[in-house]
Amino acid sequence: MSSQIEELAPLTLAKAKAENDIDRHWTEVTYDGKLDSDVLVVPTHWHKHHDEMMEVLEGRLKIYLDGKEHIVAAGDPPMLIPRRHRHGVSVFEGERVRVTEKTIPAGEFKALFFQDMFQAGSPGVFKVFRASYDGDGYISLPGNIQLVDEVFITVVGFISKFFVAPKPTKLKRQSDVSADGPTEASTTTAGWFFSK
């Protein structure tokens, strides 16, 4: 299968951990590195209400943080991305990578964001804006003025609610999926998260 963010099961629960423990919830993203696969690219954005902790489990990942490129490899310590700091990620084309993302504060909201973004297959532009609006994501616009980014997502994200499906209210778990897997694709060829 090509690059993917697991649509119906991106959340892993460590039930022995407290609900607010960073190690209880995480999402995992895998890029298979095959030459015919979509290349994972997450454009520059920021979050108002949560920090992210990115850890590369396999391969290498480019993390752009506040205008600087950091190459993080498997075995390196996790990289903290504080809230309100502009960041994005991309992979090395043709190189397999597996990454986990945890949030501070902890919770299921990040997995719900990914399920929301990809609930109907590849997200269109209205879905990206609406999911960002509902999911604490602010696209970094030229000029690097966070107030402008915030107003943009608030206005355009709200308007987008009239054109796309609403945010899911419940997180789907792997046990909710048939043995044959999800019925819709969870990758995109020209969307916000992947590019060919």
Protein backbone atom coordinates (compact mmCIF):
# COMPACT_ATOMS: atom_id res chain seq x y z
CA MET A 1 0.00 0.00 0.00
CA SER A 2 1.20 3.51 -0.62
CA SER A 3 1.92 6.20 1.96
CA GLN A 4 -0.78 6.37 4.54
CA ILE A 5 -2.13 7.80 7.68
CA GLU A 6 -4.15 4.92 9.05
CA GLU A 7 -7.72 6.16 8.59
CA LEU A 8 -9.53 4.03 11.09
CA ALA A 9 -6.88 3.13 13.64
CA PRO A 10 -4.20 5.79 14.17
CA LEU A 11 -4.54 5.79 17.94
CA THR A 12 -2.82 3.36 20.24
CA LEU A 13 -3.95 3.16 23.84
CA ALA A 14 -1.74 2.07 26.72
CA LYS A 15 -4.53 1.47 29.19
CA ALA A 16 -2.16 1.12 32.14
CA LYS A 17 -1.31 4.81 31.77
CA ALA A 18 -3.34 7.69 33.17
CA GLU A 19 -5.70 9.44 30.72
CA ASN A 20 -3.51 12.58 30.69
CA ASP A 21 -0.19 10.67 30.35
CA ILE A 22 1.64 11.53 27.10
CA ASP A 23 2.43 7.82 26.60
CA ARG A 24 -1.24 6.76 26.63
CA HIS A 25 -2.20 8.23 23.22
CA TRP A 26 -0.21 8.60 20.03
CA THR A 27 -0.62 8.54 16.27
CA GLU A 28 1.70 6.72 13.92
CA VAL A 29 2.43 7.63 10.30
CA THR A 30 4.23 5.38 7.82
CA TYR A 31 5.64 6.22 4.38
CA ASP A 32 6.60 3.01 2.58
CA GLY A 33 9.32 4.60 0.42
CA LYS A 34 8.20 2.92 -2.80
CA LEU A 35 8.93 4.96 -5.90
CA ASP A 36 5.29 4.87 -7.05
CA SER A 37 3.97 6.03 -3.65
CA ASP A 38 2.78 9.50 -2.79
CA VAL A 39 5.42 11.49 -0.94
CA LEU A 40 4.38 12.69 2.53
CA VAL A 41 4.57 16.48 2.87
CA VAL A 42 2.87 18.41 5.68
CA PRO A 43 3.00 22.15 4.92
CA THR A 44 3.96 24.71 7.53
CA HIS A 45 1.32 25.20 10.20
CA TRP A 46 1.04 25.75 13.97
CA HIS A 47 -1.17 24.84 16.91
CA LYS A 48 -2.63 27.16 19.51
CA HIS A 49 -3.58 24.64 22.20
CA HIS A 50 -1.11 21.73 22.08
CA ASP A 51 2.56 20.83 21.73
CA GLU A 52 3.71 17.89 19.62
CA MET A 53 6.42 15.33 20.32
CA MET A 54 7.70 13.66 17.12
CA GLU A 55 9.80 10.50 17.27
CA VAL A 56 11.23 8.69 14.24
CA LEU A 57 11.07 4.92 14.75
CA GLU A 58 12.41 3.94 11.34
CA GLY A 59 14.19 5.92 8.61
CA ARG A 60 14.64 9.71 8.56
CA LEU A 61 12.27 12.69 8.56
CA LYS A 62 12.73 16.37 7.74
CA ILE A 63 11.10 18.56 10.37
CA TYR A 64 10.88 22.27 9.62
CA LEU A 65 10.64 24.29 12.83
CA ASP A 66 10.61 28.09 12.86
CA GLY A 67 12.24 28.26 9.42
CA LYS A 68 15.03 25.76 10.13
CA GLU A 69 15.29 22.25 8.71
CA HIS A 70 16.11 19.45 11.14
CA ILE A 71 16.82 15.93 9.93
CA VAL A 72 15.68 13.48 12.59
CA ALA A 73 16.56 9.78 12.30
CA ALA A 74 15.53 6.60 14.07
CA GLY A 75 17.34 6.47 17.40
CA ASP A 76 17.46 10.26 17.80
CA PRO A 77 15.63 11.68 20.82
CA PRO A 78 12.04 12.80 20.19
CA MET A 79 11.70 16.38 18.94
CA LEU A 80 9.44 18.75 20.86
CA ILE A 81 7.41 21.17 18.75
CA PRO A 82 5.97 23.79 21.12
CA ARG A 83 2.54 25.29 20.52
CA ARG A 84 2.50 28.47 18.42
CA HIS A 85 5.74 27.46 16.64
CA ARG A 86 5.53 27.09 12.86
CA HIS A 87 6.41 23.62 11.68
CA GLY A 88 5.99 21.14 8.86
CA VAL A 89 7.41 17.77 7.87
CA SER A 90 8.47 15.88 4.78
CA VAL A 91 10.06 12.54 4.01
CA PHE A 92 12.99 11.53 1.86
CA GLU A 93 11.50 10.22 -1.38
CA GLY A 94 12.15 6.51 -1.76
CA GLU A 95 13.14 6.02 1.90
CA ARG A 96 10.79 4.19 4.28
CA VAL A 97 9.97 6.10 7.46
CA ARG A 98 7.77 5.43 10.50
CA VAL A 99 7.00 8.26 12.92
CA THR A 100 4.96 8.60 16.10
CA GLU A 101 3.38 11.82 17.26
CA LYS A 102 2.29 12.46 20.84
CA THR A 103 0.64 15.61 22.14
CA ILE A 104 0.84 17.71 25.26
CA PRO A 105 -1.76 17.79 26.71
CA ALA A 106 -2.46 14.13 25.92
CA GLY A 107 -5.76 12.98 24.48
CA GLU A 108 -7.56 11.36 21.57
CA PHE A 109 -8.02 14.68 19.74
CA LYS A 110 -5.06 14.20 17.34
CA ALA A 111 -6.26 10.77 16.21
CA LEU A 112 -9.75 12.24 15.79
CA PHE A 113 -8.24 15.03 13.65
CA PHE A 114 -6.57 12.50 11.31
CA GLN A 115 -9.73 10.41 11.06
CA ASP A 116 -11.69 13.57 10.36
CA MET A 117 -9.27 14.70 7.67
CA PHE A 118 -9.36 11.37 5.83
CA GLN A 119 -12.89 10.10 6.66
CA ALA A 120 -13.97 10.32 3.01
CA GLY A 121 -10.66 9.52 1.33
CA SER A 122 -8.37 12.25 0.06
CA PRO A 123 -9.27 15.61 1.60
CA GLY A 124 -10.23 18.49 -0.64
CA VAL A 125 -9.42 22.09 0.16
CA PHE A 126 -12.69 22.71 2.05
CA LYS A 127 -12.09 19.59 4.19
CA VAL A 128 -8.56 20.78 5.03
CA PHE A 129 -9.86 24.19 6.13
CA ARG A 130 -12.80 22.76 8.11
CA ALA A 131 -10.68 20.06 9.80
CA SER A 132 -8.02 22.64 10.65
CA TYR A 133 -10.69 24.94 12.10
CA ASP A 134 -12.11 22.12 14.25
CA GLY A 135 -8.73 20.54 15.04
CA ASP A 136 -6.45 23.33 16.35
CA GLY A 137 -4.51 23.68 13.10
CA TYR A 138 -3.53 27.03 11.65
CA ILE A 139 -2.00 27.12 8.17
CA SER A 140 0.99 29.47 8.03
CA LEU A 141 0.28 32.15 5.46
CA PRO A 142 2.93 34.39 3.88
CA GLY A 143 4.02 37.13 6.27
CA ASN A 144 4.26 34.90 9.36
CA ILE A 145 1.61 36.83 11.29
CA GLN A 146 -0.26 34.38 13.51
CA LEU A 147 -3.22 36.71 13.97
CA VAL A 148 -3.74 36.68 10.19
CA ASP A 149 -3.44 32.85 10.14
CA GLU A 150 -5.99 32.60 12.95
CA VAL A 151 -8.50 34.94 11.31
CA PHE A 152 -8.10 33.13 7.98
CA ILE A 153 -8.79 29.67 9.43
CA THR A 154 -11.62 30.99 11.60
CA VAL A 155 -13.43 32.59 8.64
CA VAL A 156 -12.62 30.10 5.87
CA GLY A 157 -12.87 27.07 8.18
CA PHE A 158 -16.30 28.16 9.40
CA ILE A 159 -17.55 28.75 5.85
CA SER A 160 -16.18 25.33 4.84
CA LYS A 161 -18.52 23.68 7.37
CA PHE A 162 -21.34 24.26 4.87
CA PHE A 163 -19.59 22.26 2.11
CA VAL A 164 -18.13 19.16 3.80
CA ALA A 165 -19.06 16.49 6.31
CA PRO A 166 -18.98 17.51 9.97
CA LYS A 167 -16.25 16.51 12.37
CA PRO A 168 -16.84 12.99 13.73
CA THR A 169 -17.94 12.94 17.35
CA LYS A 170 -16.49 9.53 18.17
CA LEU A 171 -13.11 7.98 17.47
CA LYS A 172 -13.30 4.81 15.37
CA ARG A 173 -11.07 2.04 16.64
CA GLN A 174 -9.50 -0.85 14.78
CA SER A 175 -12.06 -3.19 16.36
CA ASP A 176 -14.77 -1.12 14.60
CA VAL A 177 -13.37 -2.08 11.17
CA SER A 178 -14.13 -5.29 9.30
CA ALA A 179 -11.32 -7.80 8.78
CA ASP A 180 -11.10 -6.60 5.17
CA GLY A 181 -10.05 -3.15 6.38
CA PRO A 182 -11.43 0.30 5.55
CA THR A 183 -13.60 0.63 2.46
CA GLU A 184 -12.12 3.95 1.35
CA ALA A 185 -8.61 5.02 0.50
CA SER A 186 -6.66 6.87 3.16
CA THR A 187 -4.12 8.50 0.88
CA THR A 188 -4.23 11.46 -1.41
CA THR A 189 -2.21 12.25 -4.52
CA ALA A 190 -2.42 16.01 -4.64
CA GLY A 191 -3.81 17.03 -1.30
CA TRP A 192 -2.53 18.92 1.69
CA PHE A 193 -0.70 15.99 3.29
CA PHE A 194 0.73 14.18 0.29
CA SER A 195 2.19 15.22 -3.04
CA LYS A 196 3.30 13.17 -6.02
